[in-house]
Amino acid sequence: MGRRARASLTYGELAAITFSLPPRRSEPLPPRTARAQNLDRIDKKSIAWGAFLILMPATLGTGFLTHYVGFFVLFVVAFIGVTVTAQPDS
């Protein structure tokens, strides 16, 4: 059907090709039920980001004063690991 539909030059030819297609369902899909969510709960990623924002200045200061860049790199890698592996609260 694909090549013939693309090759049709008029709407009449296209209608003749698509005549055998079944019509779409007329009934609407059933509505999805919304899960109750507790908006007061704090998810694990928010806690990780908060800890990161609190500890980052201290980490940068320590890395700057001690000239130990590996400390900063390990901190950032650990933060990324915690953020990526945090499971959403269900």
N, C-alpha and C. Protein backbone atom coordinates (compact mmCIF):
# COMPACT_ATOMS: atom_id res chain seq x y z
N MET A 1 0.82 -1.18 0.00
CA MET A 1 0.00 0.00 0.00
C MET A 1 0.87 1.25 0.00
N GLY A 2 2.02 1.25 0.60
CA GLY A 2 2.84 2.43 0.75
C GLY A 2 3.24 3.06 -0.56
N ARG A 3 3.72 2.26 -1.50
CA ARG A 3 4.17 2.80 -2.79
C ARG A 3 2.99 3.32 -3.61
N ARG A 4 1.89 2.59 -3.57
CA ARG A 4 0.72 3.04 -4.33
C ARG A 4 0.16 4.33 -3.77
N ALA A 5 0.16 4.45 -2.43
CA ALA A 5 -0.38 5.67 -1.82
C ALA A 5 0.49 6.87 -2.17
N ARG A 6 1.81 6.68 -2.17
CA ARG A 6 2.71 7.78 -2.51
C ARG A 6 2.62 8.13 -4.00
N ALA A 7 2.28 7.15 -4.83
CA ALA A 7 2.23 7.37 -6.27
C ALA A 7 0.88 7.91 -6.74
N SER A 8 -0.13 7.93 -5.86
CA SER A 8 -1.45 8.39 -6.29
C SER A 8 -1.40 9.89 -6.55
N LEU A 9 -2.04 10.30 -7.63
CA LEU A 9 -1.98 11.69 -8.06
C LEU A 9 -3.21 12.48 -7.63
N THR A 10 -4.32 11.81 -7.35
CA THR A 10 -5.54 12.53 -6.99
C THR A 10 -6.07 11.98 -5.67
N TYR A 11 -6.95 12.76 -5.07
CA TYR A 11 -7.59 12.30 -3.84
C TYR A 11 -8.47 11.09 -4.09
N GLY A 12 -9.02 10.97 -5.27
CA GLY A 12 -9.85 9.81 -5.61
C GLY A 12 -9.03 8.53 -5.60
N GLU A 13 -7.84 8.58 -6.17
CA GLU A 13 -6.97 7.40 -6.15
C GLU A 13 -6.55 7.06 -4.72
N LEU A 14 -6.26 8.07 -3.93
CA LEU A 14 -5.87 7.84 -2.54
C LEU A 14 -7.04 7.27 -1.74
N ALA A 15 -8.25 7.74 -1.98
CA ALA A 15 -9.43 7.22 -1.30
C ALA A 15 -9.67 5.77 -1.68
N ALA A 16 -9.46 5.42 -2.94
CA ALA A 16 -9.65 4.03 -3.37
C ALA A 16 -8.64 3.10 -2.70
N ILE A 17 -7.42 3.59 -2.49
CA ILE A 17 -6.39 2.77 -1.86
C ILE A 17 -6.68 2.59 -0.37
N THR A 18 -7.11 3.65 0.31
CA THR A 18 -7.31 3.59 1.76
C THR A 18 -8.70 3.13 2.15
N PHE A 19 -9.55 2.76 1.19
CA PHE A 19 -10.91 2.33 1.49
C PHE A 19 -10.93 1.07 2.34
N SER A 20 -9.97 0.19 2.15
CA SER A 20 -9.98 -1.09 2.86
C SER A 20 -9.42 -1.00 4.28
N LEU A 21 -8.89 0.16 4.67
CA LEU A 21 -8.37 0.30 6.03
C LEU A 21 -9.52 0.37 7.03
N PRO A 22 -9.38 -0.30 8.18
CA PRO A 22 -10.46 -0.24 9.17
C PRO A 22 -10.50 1.14 9.82
N PRO A 23 -11.69 1.60 10.21
CA PRO A 23 -11.78 2.92 10.85
C PRO A 23 -11.18 2.88 12.25
N ARG A 24 -10.89 4.06 12.76
CA ARG A 24 -10.37 4.16 14.12
C ARG A 24 -11.46 3.82 15.12
N ARG A 25 -11.02 3.45 16.32
CA ARG A 25 -12.00 3.17 17.38
C ARG A 25 -12.74 4.44 17.73
N SER A 26 -14.04 4.33 17.88
CA SER A 26 -14.83 5.51 18.18
C SER A 26 -14.94 5.75 19.69
N GLU A 27 -14.80 4.71 20.50
CA GLU A 27 -14.92 4.93 21.95
C GLU A 27 -13.59 5.43 22.49
N PRO A 28 -13.65 6.35 23.43
CA PRO A 28 -12.40 6.89 24.00
C PRO A 28 -11.73 5.86 24.91
N LEU A 29 -10.45 6.03 25.10
CA LEU A 29 -9.73 5.16 26.01
C LEU A 29 -10.18 5.43 27.44
N PRO A 30 -10.15 4.41 28.30
CA PRO A 30 -10.56 4.65 29.69
C PRO A 30 -9.60 5.60 30.38
N PRO A 31 -10.11 6.44 31.26
CA PRO A 31 -9.22 7.41 31.92
C PRO A 31 -8.26 6.69 32.86
N ARG A 32 -7.08 7.24 32.96
CA ARG A 32 -6.08 6.68 33.88
C ARG A 32 -6.38 7.16 35.29
N THR A 33 -6.16 6.27 36.23
CA THR A 33 -6.36 6.65 37.62
C THR A 33 -5.08 7.30 38.14
N ALA A 34 -5.22 8.40 38.78
CA ALA A 34 -4.07 9.12 39.31
C ALA A 34 -3.68 8.53 40.66
N ARG A 35 -2.37 8.34 40.83
CA ARG A 35 -1.89 7.84 42.11
C ARG A 35 -1.86 8.99 43.11
N ALA A 36 -2.24 8.67 44.32
CA ALA A 36 -2.15 9.68 45.37
C ALA A 36 -0.70 9.90 45.72
N GLN A 37 -0.30 11.15 45.74
CA GLN A 37 1.08 11.48 46.05
C GLN A 37 1.12 12.37 47.27
N ASN A 38 2.06 12.06 48.11
CA ASN A 38 2.27 12.88 49.28
C ASN A 38 3.29 13.96 48.91
N LEU A 39 2.82 15.19 48.80
CA LEU A 39 3.69 16.27 48.35
C LEU A 39 4.63 16.75 49.44
N ASP A 40 4.42 16.32 50.67
CA ASP A 40 5.28 16.73 51.76
C ASP A 40 6.57 15.91 51.83
N ARG A 41 6.62 14.80 51.14
CA ARG A 41 7.81 13.96 51.17
C ARG A 41 8.91 14.56 50.32
N ILE A 42 10.14 14.37 50.76
CA ILE A 42 11.30 14.85 50.02
C ILE A 42 11.98 13.63 49.40
N ASP A 43 12.22 13.67 48.10
CA ASP A 43 12.82 12.51 47.45
C ASP A 43 14.34 12.49 47.68
N LYS A 44 14.94 11.36 47.37
CA LYS A 44 16.36 11.14 47.65
C LYS A 44 17.26 12.03 46.80
N LYS A 45 16.84 12.33 45.59
CA LYS A 45 17.67 13.19 44.74
C LYS A 45 17.72 14.62 45.29
N SER A 46 16.64 15.10 45.86
CA SER A 46 16.65 16.43 46.46
C SER A 46 17.58 16.48 47.66
N ILE A 47 17.60 15.42 48.44
CA ILE A 47 18.51 15.36 49.58
C ILE A 47 19.96 15.33 49.10
N ALA A 48 20.22 14.56 48.03
CA ALA A 48 21.58 14.50 47.49
C ALA A 48 22.02 15.85 46.97
N TRP A 49 21.14 16.56 46.26
CA TRP A 49 21.50 17.88 45.73
C TRP A 49 21.72 18.87 46.87
N GLY A 50 20.90 18.80 47.92
CA GLY A 50 21.08 19.69 49.06
C GLY A 50 22.42 19.45 49.75
N ALA A 51 22.77 18.19 49.94
CA ALA A 51 24.06 17.88 50.55
C ALA A 51 25.21 18.35 49.66
N PHE A 52 25.04 18.19 48.36
CA PHE A 52 26.07 18.63 47.42
C PHE A 52 26.27 20.14 47.51
N LEU A 53 25.17 20.89 47.56
CA LEU A 53 25.28 22.34 47.61
C LEU A 53 25.87 22.83 48.93
N ILE A 54 25.63 22.09 50.01
CA ILE A 54 26.19 22.48 51.29
C ILE A 54 27.68 22.12 51.37
N LEU A 55 28.05 20.95 50.87
CA LEU A 55 29.43 20.47 51.00
C LEU A 55 30.37 20.97 49.90
N MET A 56 29.85 21.43 48.79
CA MET A 56 30.71 21.83 47.68
C MET A 56 31.66 22.98 48.03
N PRO A 57 31.22 24.05 48.71
CA PRO A 57 32.19 25.11 49.05
C PRO A 57 33.33 24.61 49.95
N ALA A 58 32.99 23.74 50.91
CA ALA A 58 34.04 23.20 51.77
C ALA A 58 35.01 22.32 50.97
N THR A 59 34.47 21.56 50.05
CA THR A 59 35.32 20.70 49.22
C THR A 59 36.23 21.53 48.32
N LEU A 60 35.67 22.57 47.72
CA LEU A 60 36.49 23.45 46.87
C LEU A 60 37.58 24.15 47.69
N GLY A 61 37.21 24.60 48.89
CA GLY A 61 38.19 25.26 49.73
C GLY A 61 39.31 24.32 50.15
N THR A 62 38.96 23.10 50.51
CA THR A 62 39.97 22.12 50.89
C THR A 62 40.87 21.79 49.72
N GLY A 63 40.28 21.60 48.56
CA GLY A 63 41.08 21.31 47.37
C GLY A 63 42.00 22.45 47.00
N PHE A 64 41.52 23.68 47.18
CA PHE A 64 42.34 24.85 46.85
C PHE A 64 43.49 25.02 47.83
N LEU A 65 43.21 24.86 49.11
CA LEU A 65 44.23 25.08 50.13
C LEU A 65 45.29 23.97 50.16
N THR A 66 44.86 22.73 49.89
CA THR A 66 45.81 21.61 49.97
C THR A 66 46.38 21.24 48.61
N HIS A 67 45.92 21.87 47.56
CA HIS A 67 46.35 21.55 46.19
C HIS A 67 46.13 20.08 45.86
N TYR A 68 45.09 19.51 46.44
CA TYR A 68 44.78 18.10 46.21
C TYR A 68 43.50 18.01 45.40
N VAL A 69 43.63 18.01 44.10
CA VAL A 69 42.49 18.03 43.19
C VAL A 69 41.73 16.70 43.22
N GLY A 70 42.44 15.62 43.54
CA GLY A 70 41.79 14.31 43.58
C GLY A 70 40.64 14.27 44.57
N PHE A 71 40.75 15.00 45.67
CA PHE A 71 39.67 15.07 46.65
C PHE A 71 38.41 15.65 46.03
N PHE A 72 38.56 16.71 45.28
CA PHE A 72 37.42 17.34 44.61
C PHE A 72 36.82 16.41 43.56
N VAL A 73 37.66 15.76 42.79
CA VAL A 73 37.18 14.85 41.73
C VAL A 73 36.41 13.69 42.34
N LEU A 74 36.94 13.10 43.41
CA LEU A 74 36.24 11.99 44.06
C LEU A 74 34.90 12.44 44.64
N PHE A 75 34.84 13.64 45.17
CA PHE A 75 33.59 14.16 45.70
C PHE A 75 32.55 14.31 44.60
N VAL A 76 32.93 14.86 43.47
CA VAL A 76 31.99 15.05 42.36
C VAL A 76 31.55 13.70 41.79
N VAL A 77 32.47 12.76 41.66
CA VAL A 77 32.11 11.42 41.15
C VAL A 77 31.16 10.72 42.12
N ALA A 78 31.41 10.83 43.41
CA ALA A 78 30.52 10.22 44.40
C ALA A 78 29.14 10.85 44.34
N PHE A 79 29.07 12.17 44.17
CA PHE A 79 27.78 12.83 44.07
C PHE A 79 27.00 12.36 42.84
N ILE A 80 27.69 12.26 41.72
CA ILE A 80 27.03 11.79 40.49
C ILE A 80 26.51 10.37 40.68
N GLY A 81 27.30 9.53 41.32
CA GLY A 81 26.86 8.16 41.57
C GLY A 81 25.64 8.09 42.45
N VAL A 82 25.59 8.91 43.49
CA VAL A 82 24.42 8.92 44.38
C VAL A 82 23.19 9.44 43.65
N THR A 83 23.36 10.46 42.85
CA THR A 83 22.22 11.03 42.13
C THR A 83 21.67 10.06 41.10
N VAL A 84 22.54 9.38 40.38
CA VAL A 84 22.09 8.49 39.32
C VAL A 84 21.43 7.24 39.90
N THR A 85 21.95 6.73 40.99
CA THR A 85 21.42 5.48 41.53
C THR A 85 20.28 5.67 42.51
N ALA A 86 19.91 6.89 42.86
CA ALA A 86 18.81 7.12 43.80
C ALA A 86 17.50 6.68 43.15
N GLN A 87 16.78 5.83 43.83
CA GLN A 87 15.50 5.34 43.33
C GLN A 87 14.41 6.33 43.70
N PRO A 88 13.45 6.55 42.81
CA PRO A 88 12.36 7.46 43.15
C PRO A 88 11.49 6.84 44.25
N ASP A 89 10.99 7.67 45.11
CA ASP A 89 10.10 7.19 46.18
C ASP A 89 8.79 6.75 45.56
N SER A 90 8.30 5.60 46.01
CA SER A 90 7.03 5.13 45.48
C SER A 90 6.04 4.88 46.57
